Each structure stands twice: as structure tokens, then as C-alpha cells.
């Protein structure tokens, strides 16, 4: 299993399998952000590590960016990386607001590397 916290501060590739504006395949909500996964990783749910891509204003299929934080669900086994492009930073409250469309159903904390 891949330790999601090791990605904070790293440049990583993200494959977008749920582009902004697409519908979740099982639940009735629309992705307000580009959402995807980090290739060749494995999270606690057995799938590849998931990532939200912040700061992109339209649907994309892949990107490279910096992981600025991790959403750790405390009532689920799934961590979500927060990835941005061009060195953009987002506050915890901005991350909460942008990911609320999906994270509102889970208890979670936002983790960042201590400097």
C-alpha cells in the first residue's frame, strides 16, 4: 500500500477518469472538479490512490501537478490527494469548499506536511 503522505510536496502525474462535469457512475452527483488517480499506486481500498485536481477551469484527461495536501477520511479507508498546477496553494477552508460535493458524506481531516 502506498503512503499518501509521502506525495505532499511532490510533482505527480494524475490520470483523470472523472472529469469536471461528469456524473458519478453509481451515486447521483456531478464532479465539480477533475478527479482521478495516481498510476502505479495502491490505496487502502485496493484501488489506485485518488486525487482531486484544483485550479483547473474545465474538464481534462490528465495533468501533472504538486500535491499540497491529503484528505484523510476518518470513517473510510480512502485518502484523497489534493493536486494543484503551477504552484497554486489553497487554504484548508478552500479545499473543504471545493471538495464538498463528494466529501460532505465522509468525516475527514486535511493533512499537510509540517515544515
N, C-alpha and C. Protein backbone atom coordinates (compact mmCIF):
# COMPACT_ATOMS: atom_id res chain seq x y z
N UNK A 1 0.84 -1.18 0.00
CA UNK A 1 0.00 0.00 0.00
C UNK A 1 0.88 1.25 0.00
N UNK A 2 0.49 2.24 -0.77
CA UNK A 2 1.24 3.48 -0.91
C UNK A 2 0.87 4.43 0.23
N UNK A 3 1.88 5.04 0.86
CA UNK A 3 1.65 6.03 1.91
C UNK A 3 1.34 7.37 1.25
N UNK A 4 0.10 7.81 1.35
CA UNK A 4 -0.33 9.03 0.66
C UNK A 4 0.42 10.27 1.12
N UNK A 5 0.85 10.29 2.37
CA UNK A 5 1.53 11.49 2.90
C UNK A 5 2.89 11.72 2.23
N UNK A 6 3.49 10.69 1.67
CA UNK A 6 4.79 10.87 1.01
C UNK A 6 4.67 11.68 -0.27
N UNK A 7 3.45 11.88 -0.77
CA UNK A 7 3.25 12.64 -2.00
C UNK A 7 3.21 14.15 -1.77
N UNK A 8 2.98 14.58 -0.53
CA UNK A 8 2.88 16.02 -0.26
C UNK A 8 4.19 16.70 -0.65
N UNK A 9 4.06 17.73 -1.47
CA UNK A 9 5.22 18.48 -1.95
C UNK A 9 5.84 17.91 -3.22
N UNK A 10 5.36 16.77 -3.68
CA UNK A 10 5.92 16.11 -4.86
C UNK A 10 5.15 16.47 -6.12
N UNK A 11 5.86 16.53 -7.25
CA UNK A 11 5.23 16.63 -8.57
C UNK A 11 4.76 15.24 -8.97
N UNK A 12 3.50 15.13 -9.35
CA UNK A 12 2.95 13.82 -9.69
C UNK A 12 2.05 13.92 -10.92
N UNK A 13 1.93 12.79 -11.60
CA UNK A 13 1.01 12.67 -12.74
C UNK A 13 -0.33 12.16 -12.24
N UNK A 14 -1.41 12.74 -12.78
CA UNK A 14 -2.76 12.32 -12.43
C UNK A 14 -3.50 11.98 -13.71
N UNK A 15 -4.10 10.79 -13.74
CA UNK A 15 -4.98 10.40 -14.84
C UNK A 15 -6.40 10.72 -14.38
N UNK A 16 -7.11 11.51 -15.18
CA UNK A 16 -8.48 11.92 -14.82
C UNK A 16 -9.46 10.92 -15.41
N UNK A 17 -10.16 10.19 -14.53
CA UNK A 17 -11.19 9.26 -15.01
C UNK A 17 -12.59 9.78 -14.75
N UNK A 18 -12.69 10.88 -13.99
CA UNK A 18 -13.97 11.53 -13.76
C UNK A 18 -13.77 13.04 -13.94
N UNK A 19 -13.85 13.49 -15.20
CA UNK A 19 -13.60 14.90 -15.47
C UNK A 19 -14.69 15.82 -14.91
N UNK A 20 -14.30 17.05 -14.67
CA UNK A 20 -15.24 18.07 -14.20
C UNK A 20 -16.50 18.04 -15.06
N UNK A 21 -17.66 18.01 -14.39
CA UNK A 21 -18.94 18.00 -15.11
C UNK A 21 -19.51 16.62 -15.35
N UNK A 22 -18.71 15.57 -15.10
CA UNK A 22 -19.23 14.21 -15.31
C UNK A 22 -20.02 13.74 -14.09
N UNK A 23 -20.86 12.74 -14.31
CA UNK A 23 -21.68 12.17 -13.24
C UNK A 23 -20.97 10.97 -12.61
N UNK A 24 -21.15 10.81 -11.29
CA UNK A 24 -20.63 9.62 -10.62
C UNK A 24 -21.38 8.41 -11.18
N UNK A 25 -20.66 7.29 -11.43
CA UNK A 25 -21.32 6.14 -12.06
C UNK A 25 -22.39 5.46 -11.20
N UNK A 26 -22.33 5.61 -9.88
CA UNK A 26 -23.31 4.94 -9.02
C UNK A 26 -24.17 5.91 -8.22
N UNK A 27 -23.60 7.02 -7.80
CA UNK A 27 -24.31 7.98 -6.95
C UNK A 27 -24.71 9.19 -7.79
N UNK A 28 -25.76 9.84 -7.39
CA UNK A 28 -26.32 10.91 -8.21
C UNK A 28 -25.69 12.27 -7.87
N UNK A 29 -24.42 12.44 -8.21
CA UNK A 29 -23.82 13.76 -8.08
C UNK A 29 -22.87 14.00 -9.24
N UNK A 30 -22.59 15.27 -9.47
CA UNK A 30 -21.72 15.70 -10.56
C UNK A 30 -20.38 16.12 -9.99
N UNK A 31 -19.32 15.74 -10.66
CA UNK A 31 -17.97 16.13 -10.22
C UNK A 31 -17.76 17.61 -10.55
N UNK A 32 -17.53 18.39 -9.51
CA UNK A 32 -17.30 19.82 -9.66
C UNK A 32 -15.82 20.13 -9.90
N UNK A 33 -14.98 19.13 -9.78
CA UNK A 33 -13.54 19.22 -10.04
C UNK A 33 -13.14 18.05 -10.91
N UNK A 34 -11.97 18.14 -11.50
CA UNK A 34 -11.39 16.97 -12.15
C UNK A 34 -10.90 16.03 -11.06
N UNK A 35 -11.22 14.75 -11.22
CA UNK A 35 -10.94 13.75 -10.19
C UNK A 35 -10.35 12.53 -10.89
N UNK A 36 -9.29 12.02 -10.32
CA UNK A 36 -8.66 10.87 -10.96
C UNK A 36 -7.80 10.09 -10.00
N UNK A 37 -6.73 9.52 -10.52
CA UNK A 37 -5.90 8.64 -9.72
C UNK A 37 -4.43 8.78 -10.14
N UNK A 38 -3.58 8.28 -9.25
CA UNK A 38 -2.14 8.29 -9.47
C UNK A 38 -1.77 6.90 -9.99
N UNK A 39 -1.28 6.81 -11.23
CA UNK A 39 -0.94 5.49 -11.78
C UNK A 39 0.12 4.77 -10.94
N UNK A 40 0.03 3.46 -10.92
CA UNK A 40 1.02 2.59 -10.26
C UNK A 40 1.11 2.81 -8.76
N UNK A 41 -0.02 3.14 -8.14
CA UNK A 41 -0.10 3.24 -6.68
C UNK A 41 -1.19 2.29 -6.20
N UNK A 42 -1.25 2.08 -4.90
CA UNK A 42 -2.32 1.26 -4.34
C UNK A 42 -2.73 1.86 -3.00
N UNK A 43 -4.02 2.16 -2.88
CA UNK A 43 -4.53 2.72 -1.64
C UNK A 43 -5.14 1.61 -0.78
N UNK A 44 -5.62 1.99 0.39
CA UNK A 44 -6.16 1.01 1.33
C UNK A 44 -7.39 0.28 0.79
N UNK A 45 -8.09 0.89 -0.18
CA UNK A 45 -9.27 0.22 -0.74
C UNK A 45 -8.93 -0.73 -1.87
N UNK A 46 -7.62 -0.89 -2.15
CA UNK A 46 -7.17 -1.81 -3.19
C UNK A 46 -7.10 -1.19 -4.57
N UNK A 47 -7.59 0.01 -4.71
CA UNK A 47 -7.56 0.73 -5.98
C UNK A 47 -6.36 1.69 -5.97
N UNK A 48 -6.15 2.34 -7.12
CA UNK A 48 -5.08 3.34 -7.16
C UNK A 48 -5.48 4.56 -6.33
N UNK A 49 -4.48 5.28 -5.85
CA UNK A 49 -4.68 6.43 -4.99
C UNK A 49 -5.42 7.54 -5.74
N UNK A 50 -6.49 8.06 -5.15
CA UNK A 50 -7.33 9.07 -5.79
C UNK A 50 -6.78 10.47 -5.59
N UNK A 51 -7.18 11.38 -6.49
CA UNK A 51 -6.73 12.76 -6.39
C UNK A 51 -7.78 13.72 -6.93
N UNK A 52 -7.95 14.82 -6.21
CA UNK A 52 -8.70 15.96 -6.70
C UNK A 52 -7.69 16.91 -7.33
N UNK A 53 -8.04 17.48 -8.49
CA UNK A 53 -7.18 18.48 -9.13
C UNK A 53 -7.87 19.83 -8.99
N UNK A 54 -7.25 20.75 -8.26
CA UNK A 54 -7.81 22.08 -8.01
C UNK A 54 -7.18 23.10 -8.93
N UNK A 55 -7.95 24.12 -9.26
CA UNK A 55 -7.42 25.24 -10.03
C UNK A 55 -7.47 25.08 -11.53
N UNK A 56 -8.18 24.08 -12.04
CA UNK A 56 -8.34 23.90 -13.48
C UNK A 56 -9.80 24.20 -13.81
N UNK A 57 -10.03 25.06 -14.80
CA UNK A 57 -11.38 25.57 -15.06
C UNK A 57 -12.18 24.80 -16.11
N UNK A 58 -11.79 23.60 -16.43
CA UNK A 58 -12.54 22.81 -17.39
C UNK A 58 -12.12 21.36 -17.31
N UNK A 59 -12.87 20.48 -17.99
CA UNK A 59 -12.53 19.06 -17.96
C UNK A 59 -11.21 18.77 -18.67
N UNK A 60 -10.42 17.87 -18.08
CA UNK A 60 -9.14 17.44 -18.65
C UNK A 60 -9.06 15.91 -18.57
N UNK A 61 -8.06 15.32 -19.23
CA UNK A 61 -7.89 13.87 -19.19
C UNK A 61 -6.67 13.44 -18.39
N UNK A 62 -5.70 14.35 -18.23
CA UNK A 62 -4.52 14.06 -17.42
C UNK A 62 -3.84 15.38 -17.09
N UNK A 63 -3.00 15.34 -16.06
CA UNK A 63 -2.27 16.54 -15.68
C UNK A 63 -1.05 16.14 -14.85
N UNK A 64 -0.19 17.10 -14.66
CA UNK A 64 0.93 16.95 -13.75
C UNK A 64 0.88 18.15 -12.81
N UNK A 65 1.00 17.90 -11.53
CA UNK A 65 0.92 18.99 -10.56
C UNK A 65 1.58 18.61 -9.26
N UNK A 66 1.47 19.51 -8.29
CA UNK A 66 2.07 19.30 -6.97
C UNK A 66 0.97 18.92 -5.98
N UNK A 67 1.25 17.90 -5.19
CA UNK A 67 0.33 17.51 -4.12
C UNK A 67 0.56 18.47 -2.95
N UNK A 68 -0.48 19.23 -2.58
CA UNK A 68 -0.34 20.20 -1.49
C UNK A 68 -0.93 19.70 -0.17
N UNK A 69 -1.76 18.66 -0.23
CA UNK A 69 -2.41 18.16 0.98
C UNK A 69 -3.03 16.80 0.70
N UNK A 70 -3.51 16.17 1.77
CA UNK A 70 -4.22 14.89 1.68
C UNK A 70 -5.50 15.01 2.51
N UNK A 71 -6.61 14.60 1.91
CA UNK A 71 -7.84 14.44 2.68
C UNK A 71 -7.83 13.01 3.19
N UNK A 72 -7.82 12.87 4.51
CA UNK A 72 -7.87 11.54 5.13
C UNK A 72 -9.26 11.33 5.70
N UNK A 73 -9.98 10.42 5.11
CA UNK A 73 -11.31 10.09 5.61
C UNK A 73 -11.16 9.27 6.88
N UNK A 74 -11.81 9.72 7.94
CA UNK A 74 -11.69 9.04 9.23
C UNK A 74 -12.76 7.98 9.42
N UNK A 75 -13.76 7.94 8.54
CA UNK A 75 -14.80 6.92 8.61
C UNK A 75 -14.80 6.04 7.36
N UNK A 76 -13.67 6.02 6.66
CA UNK A 76 -13.49 5.26 5.43
C UNK A 76 -11.99 4.97 5.31
N UNK A 77 -11.58 4.13 4.40
CA UNK A 77 -10.16 3.79 4.26
C UNK A 77 -9.47 4.57 3.15
N UNK A 78 -10.18 5.49 2.53
CA UNK A 78 -9.71 6.10 1.30
C UNK A 78 -9.14 7.50 1.51
N UNK A 79 -7.85 7.71 1.26
CA UNK A 79 -7.25 9.04 1.24
C UNK A 79 -7.41 9.64 -0.15
N UNK A 80 -7.47 10.96 -0.21
CA UNK A 80 -7.58 11.69 -1.47
C UNK A 80 -6.47 12.74 -1.51
N UNK A 81 -5.63 12.71 -2.54
CA UNK A 81 -4.61 13.73 -2.70
C UNK A 81 -5.24 15.01 -3.23
N UNK A 82 -4.69 16.14 -2.83
CA UNK A 82 -5.09 17.44 -3.37
C UNK A 82 -3.93 17.92 -4.24
N UNK A 83 -4.17 18.02 -5.54
CA UNK A 83 -3.13 18.35 -6.51
C UNK A 83 -3.47 19.68 -7.18
N UNK A 84 -2.46 20.54 -7.32
CA UNK A 84 -2.64 21.82 -7.99
C UNK A 84 -1.56 21.99 -9.04
N UNK A 85 -1.83 22.89 -9.97
CA UNK A 85 -0.85 23.18 -11.02
C UNK A 85 -0.17 24.51 -10.73
N UNK A 86 0.99 24.69 -11.31
CA UNK A 86 1.70 25.98 -11.30
C UNK A 86 1.94 26.54 -9.90
N UNK A 87 2.13 25.67 -8.92
CA UNK A 87 2.47 26.13 -7.58
C UNK A 87 1.35 26.83 -6.83
N UNK A 88 0.11 26.72 -7.31
CA UNK A 88 -1.01 27.36 -6.62
C UNK A 88 -1.22 26.69 -5.27
N UNK A 89 -1.61 27.51 -4.29
CA UNK A 89 -1.91 26.98 -2.97
C UNK A 89 -3.38 27.28 -2.65
N UNK A 90 -3.96 26.44 -1.86
CA UNK A 90 -5.33 26.61 -1.41
C UNK A 90 -5.36 26.40 0.09
N UNK A 91 -6.15 27.20 0.79
CA UNK A 91 -6.29 27.04 2.23
C UNK A 91 -7.14 25.80 2.52
N UNK A 92 -7.10 25.36 3.77
CA UNK A 92 -7.93 24.22 4.16
C UNK A 92 -9.41 24.54 3.92
N UNK A 93 -9.84 25.76 4.21
CA UNK A 93 -11.26 26.10 4.00
C UNK A 93 -11.61 26.11 2.52
N UNK A 94 -10.68 26.54 1.66
CA UNK A 94 -10.93 26.48 0.22
C UNK A 94 -11.02 25.03 -0.26
N UNK A 95 -10.14 24.17 0.24
CA UNK A 95 -10.18 22.75 -0.11
C UNK A 95 -11.51 22.14 0.34
N UNK A 96 -11.94 22.46 1.56
CA UNK A 96 -13.22 21.95 2.06
C UNK A 96 -14.37 22.35 1.14
N UNK A 97 -14.40 23.61 0.75
CA UNK A 97 -15.49 24.11 -0.09
C UNK A 97 -15.47 23.46 -1.47
N UNK A 98 -14.28 23.33 -2.07
CA UNK A 98 -14.17 22.79 -3.42
C UNK A 98 -14.47 21.29 -3.50
N UNK A 99 -14.20 20.55 -2.43
CA UNK A 99 -14.41 19.10 -2.44
C UNK A 99 -15.72 18.68 -1.75
N UNK A 100 -16.48 19.64 -1.27
CA UNK A 100 -17.69 19.33 -0.52
C UNK A 100 -18.68 18.48 -1.29
N UNK A 101 -18.75 18.64 -2.61
CA UNK A 101 -19.72 17.88 -3.42
C UNK A 101 -19.61 16.38 -3.19
N UNK A 102 -18.42 15.89 -2.80
CA UNK A 102 -18.25 14.47 -2.53
C UNK A 102 -17.89 14.20 -1.07
N UNK A 103 -17.08 15.06 -0.47
CA UNK A 103 -16.59 14.80 0.89
C UNK A 103 -17.63 15.07 1.97
N UNK A 104 -18.74 15.72 1.62
CA UNK A 104 -19.77 16.01 2.63
C UNK A 104 -20.36 14.75 3.25
N UNK A 105 -20.19 13.62 2.59
CA UNK A 105 -20.73 12.37 3.12
C UNK A 105 -19.73 11.61 4.01
N UNK A 106 -18.55 12.17 4.21
CA UNK A 106 -17.50 11.49 4.98
C UNK A 106 -16.91 12.42 6.03
N UNK A 107 -16.56 11.83 7.16
CA UNK A 107 -15.77 12.57 8.14
C UNK A 107 -14.33 12.52 7.65
N UNK A 108 -13.62 13.65 7.78
CA UNK A 108 -12.25 13.68 7.27
C UNK A 108 -11.45 14.81 7.91
N UNK A 109 -10.17 14.73 7.72
CA UNK A 109 -9.25 15.79 8.11
C UNK A 109 -8.36 16.09 6.92
N UNK A 110 -7.85 17.31 6.88
CA UNK A 110 -6.91 17.71 5.84
C UNK A 110 -5.51 17.69 6.44
N UNK A 111 -4.62 16.93 5.84
CA UNK A 111 -3.26 16.79 6.35
C UNK A 111 -2.28 17.49 5.42
N UNK A 112 -1.30 18.15 6.02
CA UNK A 112 -0.23 18.80 5.27
C UNK A 112 1.08 18.46 5.95
N UNK A 113 2.15 18.55 5.21
CA UNK A 113 3.48 18.31 5.79
C UNK A 113 3.86 19.46 6.69
N UNK A 114 4.42 19.14 7.82
CA UNK A 114 4.94 20.19 8.70
C UNK A 114 6.29 20.64 8.20
N UNK A 115 6.47 21.94 8.16
CA UNK A 115 7.75 22.49 7.66
C UNK A 115 8.64 22.84 8.83
